[in-house]
Every structure is written in C-alpha cells, then in structure tokens.
C-alpha atoms as a PDB file:
ATOM      1  CA  MET A   1      10.109  11.827  -3.496  1.00  0.00           C
ATOM      2  CA  ILE A   2      11.865  10.245  -0.595  1.00  0.00           C
ATOM      3  CA  SER A   3      15.837  10.063  -0.793  1.00  0.00           C
ATOM      4  CA  ASP A   4      17.233   6.849   0.160  1.00  0.00           C
ATOM      5  CA  GLU A   5      18.508   8.701   3.604  1.00  0.00           C
ATOM      6  CA  GLU A   6      15.815   8.637   6.161  1.00  0.00           C
ATOM      7  CA  SER A   7      13.745  12.174   6.328  1.00  0.00           C
ATOM      8  CA  GLU A   8      11.253  13.003   7.870  1.00  0.00           C
ATOM      9  CA  PRO A   9       8.133  14.915   5.494  1.00  0.00           C
ATOM     10  CA  ARG A  10       5.161  17.664   7.138  1.00  0.00           C
ATOM     11  CA  LYS A  11       3.603  16.686  10.164  1.00  0.00           C
ATOM     12  CA  ILE A  12       0.418  15.973   9.571  1.00  0.00           C
ATOM     13  CA  LYS A  13      -2.543  16.065  11.877  1.00  0.00           C
ATOM     14  CA  THR A  14      -6.089  15.630  11.007  1.00  0.00           C
ATOM     15  CA  GLU A  15      -9.083  16.393  13.857  1.00  0.00           C
ATOM     16  CA  LEU A  16     -13.064  14.607  12.331  1.00  0.00           C
ATOM     17  CA  SER A  17     -15.862  16.623  13.629  1.00  0.00           C
ATOM     18  CA  ASP A  18     -16.602  13.759  15.933  1.00  0.00           C
ATOM     19  CA  GLY A  19     -13.479  14.298  18.382  1.00  0.00           C
ATOM     20  CA  VAL A  20     -11.115  11.698  16.161  1.00  0.00           C
ATOM     21  CA  THR A  21      -7.559  12.965  15.447  1.00  0.00           C
ATOM     22  CA  ILE A  22      -5.792  11.096  12.631  1.00  0.00           C
ATOM     23  CA  ARG A  23      -1.769  11.698  13.636  1.00  0.00           C
ATOM     24  CA  ARG A  24       1.398   9.721  13.604  1.00  0.00           C
ATOM     25  CA  PHE A  25       2.379   6.559  15.594  1.00  0.00           C
ATOM     26  CA  SER A  26       4.416   7.403  18.607  1.00  0.00           C
ATOM     27  CA  PRO A  27       6.322   4.416  19.906  1.00  0.00           C
ATOM     28  CA  VAL A  28       4.116   4.527  23.160  1.00  0.00           C
ATOM     29  CA  ASP A  29       0.943   4.126  20.891  1.00  0.00           C
ATOM     30  CA  TYR A  30       2.236   0.656  20.119  1.00  0.00           C
ATOM     31  CA  SER A  31       0.479  -2.104  22.676  1.00  0.00           C
ATOM     32  CA  GLN A  32      -2.639  -0.038  21.831  1.00  0.00           C
ATOM     33  CA  VAL A  33      -1.941  -0.617  17.939  1.00  0.00           C
ATOM     34  CA  VAL A  34      -1.383  -4.336  19.066  1.00  0.00           C
ATOM     35  CA  SER A  35      -4.308  -4.743  20.927  1.00  0.00           C
ATOM     36  CA  LEU A  36      -6.474  -3.565  17.930  1.00  0.00           C
ATOM     37  CA  TRP A  37      -5.556  -7.014  16.297  1.00  0.00           C
ATOM     38  CA  PRO A  38      -7.257  -9.245  14.291  1.00  0.00           C
ATOM     39  CA  ALA A  39     -11.268  -8.043  16.234  1.00  0.00           C
ATOM     40  CA  GLY A  40     -10.448  -4.584  14.475  1.00  0.00           C
ATOM     41  CA  ARG A  41      -9.274  -5.576  11.201  1.00  0.00           C
ATOM     42  CA  MET A  42     -11.476  -3.447   8.413  1.00  0.00           C
ATOM     43  CA  ASP A  43     -11.326  -5.373   4.770  1.00  0.00           C
ATOM     44  CA  LEU A  44      -7.648  -5.490   4.279  1.00  0.00           C
ATOM     45  CA  ALA A  45      -6.525  -8.478   3.291  1.00  0.00           C
ATOM     46  CA  THR A  46      -4.926 -10.971   6.425  1.00  0.00           C
ATOM     47  CA  SER A  47      -3.008 -14.246   7.015  1.00  0.00           C
ATOM     48  CA  SER A  48      -3.222 -16.015  10.486  1.00  0.00           C
ATOM     49  CA  ASP A  49       0.410 -14.354  11.426  1.00  0.00           C
ATOM     50  CA  GLU A  50      -0.359 -10.944  10.366  1.00  0.00           C
ATOM     51  CA  SER A  51      -0.946  -9.785  14.301  1.00  0.00           C
ATOM     52  CA  GLU A  52       3.166 -11.028  14.210  1.00  0.00           C
ATOM     53  CA  VAL A  53       3.917  -9.229  11.212  1.00  0.00           C
ATOM     54  CA  LEU A  54       2.028  -6.152  12.348  1.00  0.00           C
ATOM     55  CA  ALA A  55       4.245  -6.548  15.908  1.00  0.00           C
ATOM     56  CA  LYS A  56       7.683  -6.141  13.786  1.00  0.00           C
ATOM     57  CA  THR A  57       6.494  -3.909  11.479  1.00  0.00           C
ATOM     58  CA  LEU A  58       6.071  -1.430  14.379  1.00  0.00           C
ATOM     59  CA  THR A  59       8.781  -2.681  15.865  1.00  0.00           C
ATOM     60  CA  GLN A  60      11.548  -1.882  12.958  1.00  0.00           C
ATOM     61  CA  MET A  61      10.226   0.806  10.879  1.00  0.00           C
ATOM     62  CA  ILE A  62      12.013   2.877   9.513  1.00  0.00           C
ATOM     63  CA  PRO A  63      11.199   6.376  10.629  1.00  0.00           C
ATOM     64  CA  GLY A  64      10.614   8.604   7.371  1.00  0.00           C
ATOM     65  CA  ARG A  65      10.487   5.534   4.960  1.00  0.00           C
ATOM     66  CA  HIS A  66       7.656   3.878   6.864  1.00  0.00           C
ATOM     67  CA  ASP A  67       4.317   5.635   8.233  1.00  0.00           C
ATOM     68  CA  VAL A  68       1.768   4.466  10.676  1.00  0.00           C
ATOM     69  CA  TRP A  69      -1.138   6.328  10.864  1.00  0.00           C
ATOM     70  CA  VAL A  70      -3.277   6.641  14.104  1.00  0.00           C
ATOM     71  CA  ALA A  71      -6.791   7.654  14.352  1.00  0.00           C
ATOM     72  CA  GLU A  72      -7.294   9.169  18.110  1.00  0.00           C
ATOM     73  CA  ALA A  73     -10.391   9.436  20.324  1.00  0.00           C
ATOM     74  CA  ALA A  74      -9.953  10.929  23.541  1.00  0.00           C
ATOM     75  CA  GLY A  75      -6.433   9.474  24.537  1.00  0.00           C
ATOM     76  CA  HIS A  76      -7.290   6.221  22.777  1.00  0.00           C
ATOM     77  CA  VAL A  77      -6.153   4.683  20.168  1.00  0.00           C
ATOM     78  CA  ILE A  78      -8.989   3.384  18.343  1.00  0.00           C
ATOM     79  CA  GLY A  79      -7.317   2.620  14.499  1.00  0.00           C
ATOM     80  CA  SER A  80      -4.467   2.728  12.747  1.00  0.00           C
ATOM     81  CA  VAL A  81      -2.955   1.817   9.237  1.00  0.00           C
ATOM     82  CA  VAL A  82       0.389   1.032   7.721  1.00  0.00           C
ATOM     83  CA  ALA A  83       2.180   2.820   4.484  1.00  0.00           C
ATOM     84  CA  ILE A  84       5.393   0.647   3.609  1.00  0.00           C
ATOM     85  CA  HIS A  85       7.728   2.054   1.178  1.00  0.00           C
ATOM     86  CA  GLN A  86       9.138  -0.582  -1.432  1.00  0.00           C
ATOM     87  CA  SER A  87      10.502   2.015  -3.353  1.00  0.00           C
ATOM     88  CA  ASN A  88      11.314   5.935  -4.141  1.00  0.00           C
ATOM     89  CA  GLU A  89       8.095   5.097  -6.532  1.00  0.00           C
ATOM     90  CA  LEU A  90       5.901   2.706  -4.666  1.00  0.00           C
ATOM     91  CA  ALA A  91       4.269   2.112  -1.721  1.00  0.00           C
ATOM     92  CA  HIS A  92       2.093  -0.470   0.024  1.00  0.00           C
ATOM     93  CA  PHE A  93      -0.678   0.071   2.483  1.00  0.00           C
ATOM     94  CA  ARG A  94      -1.587  -2.989   4.967  1.00  0.00           C
ATOM     95  CA  PHE A  95      -2.757  -3.439   8.339  1.00  0.00           C
ATOM     96  CA  MET A  96      -6.174  -1.450   8.270  1.00  0.00           C
ATOM     97  CA  CYS A  97      -7.920  -1.834  11.623  1.00  0.00           C
ATOM     98  CA  VAL A  98     -10.543  -0.098  14.009  1.00  0.00           C
ATOM     99  CA  ASN A  99     -11.864  -0.640  17.246  1.00  0.00           C
ATOM    100  CA  GLU A 100     -14.864  -2.808  16.818  1.00  0.00           C
ATOM    101  CA  HIS A 101     -16.701  -1.316  19.208  1.00  0.00           C
ATOM    102  CA  TRP A 102     -16.234   2.131  17.607  1.00  0.00           C
ATOM    103  CA  HIS A 103     -19.688   3.676  16.612  1.00  0.00           C
ATOM    104  CA  ASP A 104     -18.342   4.611  12.941  1.00  0.00           C
ATOM    105  CA  ARG A 105     -15.705   2.690  11.573  1.00  0.00           C
ATOM    106  CA  ASP A 106     -16.160   2.810   8.014  1.00  0.00           C
ATOM    107  CA  ALA A 107     -15.605   6.756   8.550  1.00  0.00           C
ATOM    108  CA  VAL A 108     -12.246   5.973  10.916  1.00  0.00           C
ATOM    109  CA  ALA A 109     -11.398   4.040   8.036  1.00  0.00           C
ATOM    110  CA  MET A 110     -11.885   6.675   5.792  1.00  0.00           C
ATOM    111  CA  SER A 111      -9.622   9.029   7.358  1.00  0.00           C
ATOM    112  CA  LEU A 112      -7.003   7.144   7.943  1.00  0.00           C
ATOM    113  CA  GLY A 113      -6.636   6.212   4.337  1.00  0.00           C
ATOM    114  CA  ASP A 114      -7.526   9.424   3.148  1.00  0.00           C
ATOM    115  CA  VAL A 115      -4.429  10.669   4.859  1.00  0.00           C
ATOM    116  CA  ALA A 116      -2.357   7.932   4.228  1.00  0.00           C
ATOM    117  CA  VAL A 117      -2.983   8.691   0.898  1.00  0.00           C
ATOM    118  CA  ARG A 118      -2.526  12.056   0.868  1.00  0.00           C
ATOM    119  CA  ASN A 119       1.168  11.282   2.790  1.00  0.00           C
ATOM    120  CA  ALA A 120       2.146   9.430  -0.164  1.00  0.00           C
ATOM    121  CA  TRP A 121       0.824  11.645  -2.510  1.00  0.00           C
ATOM    122  CA  ASP A 122       3.198  14.450  -0.951  1.00  0.00           C
ATOM    123  CA  ARG A 123       5.953  12.054  -0.668  1.00  0.00           C
ATOM    124  CA  GLY A 124       6.035  11.726  -4.866  1.00  0.00           C
ATOM    125  CA  TYR A 125       4.571   7.859  -4.802  1.00  0.00           C
ATOM    126  CA  LEU A 126       3.767   7.230  -8.433  1.00  0.00           C
ATOM    127  CA  LYS A 127       1.880   4.121  -7.346  1.00  0.00           C
ATOM    128  CA  ILE A 128       0.534   2.276  -4.233  1.00  0.00           C
ATOM    129  CA  ILE A 129      -0.701  -1.084  -3.557  1.00  0.00           C
ATOM    130  CA  MET A 130      -3.685  -1.396  -1.415  1.00  0.00           C
ATOM    131  CA  HIS A 131      -3.937  -4.844   0.376  1.00  0.00           C
ATOM    132  CA  THR A 132      -7.747  -5.023   0.862  1.00  0.00           C
ATOM    133  CA  ARG A 133     -10.809  -7.179   0.426  1.00  0.00           C
ATOM    134  CA  ARG A 134     -13.447  -4.213  -0.246  1.00  0.00           C
ATOM    135  CA  PRO A 135     -14.941  -3.815  -3.364  1.00  0.00           C
ATOM    136  CA  VAL A 136     -12.698  -2.665  -6.009  1.00  0.00           C
ATOM    137  CA  ASP A 137     -15.191   0.563  -6.823  1.00  0.00           C
ATOM    138  CA  ARG A 138     -15.220   1.487  -2.828  1.00  0.00           C
ATOM    139  CA  VAL A 139     -11.967   1.656  -2.684  1.00  0.00           C
ATOM    140  CA  THR A 140     -11.269   3.533  -6.437  1.00  0.00           C
ATOM    141  CA  ALA A 141     -13.960   6.140  -5.453  1.00  0.00           C
ATOM    142  CA  LEU A 142     -11.495   7.349  -2.415  1.00  0.00           C
ATOM    143  CA  MET A 143      -7.922   6.794  -4.628  1.00  0.00           C
ATOM    144  CA  HIS A 144      -9.694   8.369  -7.998  1.00  0.00           C
ATOM    145  CA  HIS A 145     -10.419  11.752  -5.119  1.00  0.00           C
ATOM    146  CA  LEU A 146      -7.100  11.607  -3.917  1.00  0.00           C
ATOM    147  CA  GLY A 147      -5.763  11.740  -7.817  1.00  0.00           C
ATOM    148  CA  PHE A 148      -4.772   7.993  -8.284  1.00  0.00           C
ATOM    149  CA  GLU A 149      -5.901   5.919 -10.936  1.00  0.00           C
ATOM    150  CA  PHE A 150      -6.860   2.482 -10.665  1.00  0.00           C
ATOM    151  CA  SER A 151      -4.779   0.393 -12.790  1.00  0.00           C
ATOM    152  CA  ARG A 152      -5.248  -3.436 -11.568  1.00  0.00           C
ATOM    153  CA  GLU A 153      -6.440  -5.737  -9.319  1.00  0.00           C
ATOM    154  CA  HIS A 154      -4.660  -9.049  -8.458  1.00  0.00           C
ATOM    155  CA  ALA A 155      -2.592 -11.036  -5.769  1.00  0.00           C
ATOM    156  CA  ILE A 156       0.639 -10.804  -4.103  1.00  0.00           C
ATOM    157  CA  ALA A 157       1.986 -13.492  -2.390  1.00  0.00           C
ATOM    158  CA  GLY A 158      -1.776 -14.445  -1.488  1.00  0.00           C
ATOM    159  CA  ASP A 159      -2.675 -11.580  -0.355  1.00  0.00           C
ATOM    160  CA  HIS A 160      -5.356  -9.350  -2.308  1.00  0.00           C
ATOM    161  CA  VAL A 161      -4.397  -5.476  -3.351  1.00  0.00           C
ATOM    162  CA  LEU A 162      -5.185  -3.313  -6.120  1.00  0.00           C
ATOM    163  CA  GLU A 163      -2.706  -0.902  -7.420  1.00  0.00           C
ATOM    164  CA  TYR A 164      -3.215   2.550  -8.509  1.00  0.00           C
ATOM    165  CA  PHE A 165      -1.116   4.879  -9.867  1.00  0.00           C
ATOM    166  CA  LEU A 166      -0.729   8.767  -9.272  1.00  0.00           C
ATOM    167  CA  ASP A 167      -2.284  10.962 -11.899  1.00  0.00           C
ATOM    168  CA  LEU A 168       0.043  13.470 -12.703  1.00  0.00           C
ATOM    169  CA  TYR A 169      -2.260  16.187 -14.181  1.00  0.00           C
ATOM    170  CA  SER A 170      -5.030  15.862 -11.421  1.00  0.00           C
ATOM    171  CA  THR A 171      -4.255  17.124  -7.470  1.00  0.00           C
ATOM    172  CA  PRO A 172      -5.919  15.033  -4.469  1.00  0.00           C
ATOM    173  CA  GLN A 173      -9.714  17.131  -3.757  1.00  0.00           C
ATOM    174  CA  PRO A 174     -10.496  18.705  -0.011  1.00  0.00           C
ATOM    175  CA  ALA A 175     -10.238  15.987   2.748  1.00  0.00           C
ATOM    176  CA  LYS A 176     -14.272  15.382   3.193  1.00  0.00           C
ATOM    177  CA  GLY A 177     -15.047  14.712   7.309  1.00  0.00           C
ATOM    178  CA  SER A 178     -12.271  17.004   8.296  1.00  0.00           C
ATOM    179  CA  ASN A 179     -11.178  20.369   9.114  1.00  0.00           C
ATOM    180  CA  GLY A 180      -8.540  20.048   6.814  1.00  0.00           C
ATOM    181  CA  THR A 181      -6.199  20.898   9.535  1.00  0.00           C
ATOM    182  CA  PHE A 182      -2.606  19.708   8.023  1.00  0.00           C
ATOM    183  CA  ASN A 183      -0.037  20.851  10.476  1.00  0.00           C
ATOM    184  CA  SER A 184       3.521  21.850   9.540  1.00  0.00           C
END
C-alpha cells in the first residue's frame, strides 16, 4: 500500500514484440504526450477540456503517487495512460491515448493498461475506477486476468466509469504480448 509520503515503487519497463516499450513517463516526454491529444485518444471518456486537464496533470503530478505510463517506439512516444492516486485504496485511470496512425493501436492500449493495472496491483490498490467508453465485457476480461473483479458501471461528473475491486484470492496472470520483463 502507498504511504502518504512520496515513494517510488519498482521501476517497470515492458518490451513488446513489435519494438514498442512501455515505461514510466519522464518530463522530456511532456510535449509528445500532449501532442497525442485529442486525435490519439482511445475510448476513454473525455470532455472538451481534457487536453488542458491532461497538461495540468502532467505538470502537477506527484511522483510516487500519480503514474503516467508511455508507449515508445523508435524513440517516439506513441501512447500514454495516467493512473491518478485518490487514496491508498483507490486509483483512477484516465487519458488513454495511442497515436492515431499506429498500426496496432488496440494492442498498444491493452499493453499500457496491462502495465498500469499491474503496477496498481503491486501498490496495493483495492479499487480502480476506469474512465472509459469501452464495453464493460472487453475491459472486464483484462481486469479479471489482472486480478480485479467488476463491481459496477456508473457516471462520475458526467464521465462513464467502470469500478473494479481487487480479488484478494488471486494474482495477476502473466502478461500477454510482452516478454514479461519487469525491471526493478
């Protein structure tokens, strides 16, 4: 579980079979991540001011409490997702986007989600709220694979969200589509 003090969990870097790497955001990624919006957004719920909210989130994030994951290929950021710490038990996942011209956007999005959810699992979050427009069954299959159970679907401030609780009796299954390299 995350303490109230800033802490850095283990570093995670996952390499996918097609040369895409999922890693933590670095401040030098800022302009590339922001430039993906809004055209690169996946089915995550967004409003007209989401680009501004994303930019503010990236500049004001608290290391060790808010996580931004980026997908990178050939030295360019092609996707990102943000996990926002609300409490020691709860995280919100927002701002999923992948370059609109990338040949396998869904695979990159699933890999970003996979790394972000595994990190949330490692941090001890008991509940994840996904801001998404994706069908419940599609997201739920991934979340179940990663050790979370669907709770409910509803709206928060006009955003469609799906809630998941940690299944305390299971652990995440091995990652699909990656070599499973988790660097500490």
